[in-house]
N, C-alpha and C. Protein backbone atom coordinates (compact mmCIF):
# COMPACT_ATOMS: atom_id res chain seq x y z
N MET A 1 10.20 19.31 30.01
CA MET A 1 9.65 18.65 28.84
C MET A 1 10.00 19.43 27.57
N LYS A 2 9.84 20.76 27.63
CA LYS A 2 10.18 21.58 26.47
C LYS A 2 11.68 21.49 26.17
N ARG A 3 12.48 21.43 27.21
CA ARG A 3 13.93 21.32 27.03
C ARG A 3 14.30 20.00 26.35
N GLN A 4 13.62 18.91 26.72
CA GLN A 4 13.87 17.62 26.09
C GLN A 4 13.51 17.67 24.61
N LEU A 5 12.40 18.30 24.30
CA LEU A 5 12.00 18.44 22.91
C LEU A 5 13.03 19.24 22.12
N GLU A 6 13.51 20.30 22.75
CA GLU A 6 14.53 21.13 22.11
C GLU A 6 15.82 20.32 21.87
N LEU A 7 16.21 19.53 22.86
CA LEU A 7 17.40 18.69 22.71
C LEU A 7 17.23 17.68 21.58
N ARG A 8 16.06 17.08 21.49
CA ARG A 8 15.80 16.09 20.43
C ARG A 8 15.87 16.75 19.06
N ARG A 9 15.35 17.98 18.97
CA ARG A 9 15.42 18.71 17.70
C ARG A 9 16.86 19.00 17.32
N GLU A 10 17.67 19.39 18.30
CA GLU A 10 19.07 19.65 18.05
C GLU A 10 19.79 18.37 17.61
N GLU A 11 19.50 17.27 18.28
CA GLU A 11 20.11 15.99 17.92
C GLU A 11 19.69 15.58 16.51
N THR A 12 18.42 15.77 16.20
CA THR A 12 17.92 15.44 14.87
C THR A 12 18.61 16.28 13.81
N GLN A 13 18.77 17.56 14.08
CA GLN A 13 19.46 18.44 13.14
C GLN A 13 20.91 18.00 12.94
N ALA A 14 21.57 17.61 14.03
CA ALA A 14 22.95 17.14 13.92
C ALA A 14 23.02 15.88 13.08
N LEU A 15 22.06 14.98 13.25
CA LEU A 15 22.03 13.75 12.44
C LEU A 15 21.80 14.07 10.96
N HIS A 16 20.91 15.00 10.70
CA HIS A 16 20.65 15.40 9.31
C HIS A 16 21.90 16.01 8.68
N THR A 17 22.61 16.80 9.46
CA THR A 17 23.84 17.42 8.96
C THR A 17 24.88 16.36 8.64
N LYS A 18 25.04 15.39 9.52
CA LYS A 18 26.00 14.32 9.28
C LYS A 18 25.57 13.48 8.08
N CYS A 19 24.29 13.22 7.98
CA CYS A 19 23.76 12.45 6.85
C CYS A 19 24.05 13.18 5.53
N ASP A 20 23.83 14.49 5.52
CA ASP A 20 24.11 15.28 4.33
C ASP A 20 25.59 15.20 3.96
N ALA A 21 26.45 15.27 4.97
CA ALA A 21 27.89 15.18 4.73
C ALA A 21 28.26 13.81 4.16
N LEU A 22 27.65 12.75 4.72
CA LEU A 22 27.91 11.41 4.22
C LEU A 22 27.42 11.23 2.79
N GLU A 23 26.25 11.77 2.49
CA GLU A 23 25.73 11.69 1.13
C GLU A 23 26.66 12.41 0.15
N SER A 24 27.14 13.55 0.56
CA SER A 24 28.06 14.32 -0.27
C SER A 24 29.35 13.54 -0.51
N LYS A 25 29.90 12.97 0.55
CA LYS A 25 31.13 12.19 0.44
C LYS A 25 30.91 10.96 -0.43
N LEU A 26 29.78 10.30 -0.28
CA LEU A 26 29.46 9.14 -1.10
C LEU A 26 29.39 9.53 -2.56
N ALA A 27 28.76 10.66 -2.86
CA ALA A 27 28.68 11.13 -4.24
C ALA A 27 30.07 11.41 -4.80
N GLU A 28 30.94 12.01 -3.99
CA GLU A 28 32.31 12.27 -4.42
C GLU A 28 33.05 10.97 -4.71
N LEU A 29 32.89 9.99 -3.83
CA LEU A 29 33.56 8.70 -4.02
C LEU A 29 33.04 7.99 -5.26
N GLN A 30 31.72 8.04 -5.47
CA GLN A 30 31.15 7.41 -6.65
C GLN A 30 31.66 8.09 -7.92
N ALA A 31 31.75 9.41 -7.90
CA ALA A 31 32.26 10.15 -9.05
C ALA A 31 33.72 9.79 -9.31
N ALA A 32 34.50 9.65 -8.24
CA ALA A 32 35.91 9.29 -8.40
C ALA A 32 36.05 7.90 -8.99
N VAL A 33 35.23 6.97 -8.52
CA VAL A 33 35.28 5.60 -9.05
C VAL A 33 34.84 5.60 -10.52
N GLN A 34 33.79 6.32 -10.82
CA GLN A 34 33.32 6.39 -12.19
C GLN A 34 34.39 7.02 -13.08
N TYR A 35 35.03 8.06 -12.60
CA TYR A 35 36.10 8.71 -13.35
C TYR A 35 37.24 7.73 -13.59
N GLN A 36 37.60 6.96 -12.58
CA GLN A 36 38.66 5.96 -12.73
C GLN A 36 38.27 4.92 -13.78
N ASN A 37 37.02 4.48 -13.73
CA ASN A 37 36.56 3.47 -14.69
C ASN A 37 36.61 4.01 -16.10
N VAL A 38 36.15 5.23 -16.31
CA VAL A 38 36.17 5.83 -17.64
C VAL A 38 37.60 6.05 -18.09
N LYS A 39 38.42 6.57 -17.19
CA LYS A 39 39.82 6.82 -17.52
C LYS A 39 40.54 5.50 -17.77
N GLY A 40 40.22 4.49 -16.99
CA GLY A 40 40.84 3.18 -17.16
C GLY A 40 40.50 2.55 -18.49
N GLU A 41 39.29 2.76 -18.99
CA GLU A 41 38.90 2.23 -20.29
C GLU A 41 39.61 2.98 -21.41
N ALA A 42 39.81 4.28 -21.22
CA ALA A 42 40.47 5.09 -22.24
C ALA A 42 41.97 4.84 -22.26
N GLU A 43 42.57 4.64 -21.09
CA GLU A 43 44.01 4.43 -20.98
C GLU A 43 44.28 3.22 -20.10
N PRO A 44 44.13 1.99 -20.62
CA PRO A 44 44.25 0.80 -19.78
C PRO A 44 45.64 0.57 -19.20
N ALA A 45 46.70 1.07 -19.83
CA ALA A 45 48.04 0.80 -19.34
C ALA A 45 48.44 1.74 -18.20
N ARG A 46 47.63 2.75 -17.93
CA ARG A 46 47.97 3.77 -16.95
C ARG A 46 47.00 3.74 -15.78
N SER A 47 47.52 3.82 -14.56
CA SER A 47 46.64 3.90 -13.39
C SER A 47 47.02 5.12 -12.58
N SER A 48 46.03 5.73 -11.98
CA SER A 48 46.26 6.95 -11.21
C SER A 48 46.23 6.64 -9.73
N SER A 49 47.36 6.73 -9.07
CA SER A 49 47.39 6.46 -7.63
C SER A 49 46.78 7.61 -6.84
N SER A 50 46.72 8.80 -7.42
CA SER A 50 46.15 9.93 -6.69
C SER A 50 44.65 9.81 -6.54
N MET A 51 43.98 9.04 -7.38
CA MET A 51 42.54 8.87 -7.30
C MET A 51 42.13 7.67 -6.45
N GLN A 52 43.10 6.88 -6.01
CA GLN A 52 42.76 5.68 -5.26
C GLN A 52 42.28 6.05 -3.86
N VAL A 53 41.27 5.32 -3.40
CA VAL A 53 40.75 5.51 -2.05
C VAL A 53 41.09 4.25 -1.27
N THR A 54 41.74 4.41 -0.14
CA THR A 54 42.15 3.25 0.64
C THR A 54 41.20 3.01 1.80
N GLU A 55 41.16 1.79 2.26
CA GLU A 55 40.34 1.43 3.41
C GLU A 55 40.81 2.24 4.61
N GLY A 56 39.86 2.88 5.29
CA GLY A 56 40.20 3.68 6.45
C GLY A 56 40.65 5.09 6.10
N ALA A 57 40.51 5.47 4.82
CA ALA A 57 40.87 6.83 4.43
C ALA A 57 40.06 7.80 5.27
N HIS A 58 40.62 8.93 5.59
CA HIS A 58 40.02 9.81 6.57
C HIS A 58 39.68 11.17 5.97
N ASP A 59 38.46 11.60 6.12
CA ASP A 59 38.03 12.92 5.70
C ASP A 59 38.10 13.82 6.92
N GLU A 60 39.11 14.68 6.98
CA GLU A 60 39.34 15.48 8.18
C GLU A 60 38.22 16.48 8.45
N ALA A 61 37.55 16.97 7.40
CA ALA A 61 36.53 17.99 7.59
C ALA A 61 35.34 17.47 8.40
N SER A 62 34.95 16.23 8.17
CA SER A 62 33.77 15.72 8.87
C SER A 62 34.07 14.50 9.75
N ASN A 63 35.34 14.13 9.86
CA ASN A 63 35.74 12.97 10.64
C ASN A 63 35.01 11.71 10.19
N THR A 64 34.81 11.59 8.88
CA THR A 64 34.12 10.46 8.30
C THR A 64 35.13 9.59 7.58
N THR A 65 35.13 8.30 7.89
CA THR A 65 36.05 7.40 7.21
C THR A 65 35.33 6.73 6.05
N LEU A 66 36.11 6.19 5.15
CA LEU A 66 35.55 5.46 4.02
C LEU A 66 34.71 4.29 4.55
N GLU A 67 35.17 3.68 5.61
CA GLU A 67 34.42 2.57 6.22
C GLU A 67 33.03 3.02 6.66
N ASP A 68 32.93 4.23 7.24
CA ASP A 68 31.63 4.78 7.64
C ASP A 68 30.72 4.94 6.44
N VAL A 69 31.27 5.48 5.36
CA VAL A 69 30.48 5.71 4.15
C VAL A 69 30.01 4.39 3.56
N LEU A 70 30.90 3.41 3.50
CA LEU A 70 30.52 2.10 2.94
C LEU A 70 29.47 1.41 3.80
N ARG A 71 29.63 1.51 5.12
CA ARG A 71 28.64 0.92 6.03
C ARG A 71 27.28 1.58 5.83
N TRP A 72 27.30 2.92 5.73
CA TRP A 72 26.06 3.67 5.50
C TRP A 72 25.44 3.28 4.16
N ALA A 73 26.24 3.15 3.14
CA ALA A 73 25.72 2.78 1.82
C ALA A 73 25.04 1.41 1.87
N GLU A 74 25.63 0.48 2.62
CA GLU A 74 25.03 -0.84 2.75
C GLU A 74 23.70 -0.78 3.50
N GLU A 75 23.61 0.12 4.48
CA GLU A 75 22.38 0.24 5.27
C GLU A 75 21.22 0.78 4.45
N ILE A 76 21.49 1.65 3.49
CA ILE A 76 20.40 2.26 2.73
C ILE A 76 19.99 1.45 1.53
N LYS A 77 20.71 0.37 1.22
CA LYS A 77 20.34 -0.47 0.07
C LYS A 77 18.99 -1.10 0.23
């Protein structure tokens, strides 16, 4: 019984860690989009391909895809 409780705590901690990573990635993506919007208003004839985020883009550090982040964002609305 104690071992099960310990396992659940470990699983919960892992979920919190992943959630924190997703929140961080979402904040980065929102900042990038906001930066693009501001930059786009200042320089409408110029677009930055380096700031574009594509569907299925992959974050190697946390194995989180853009699709995961968008799905998560929709869930918390």
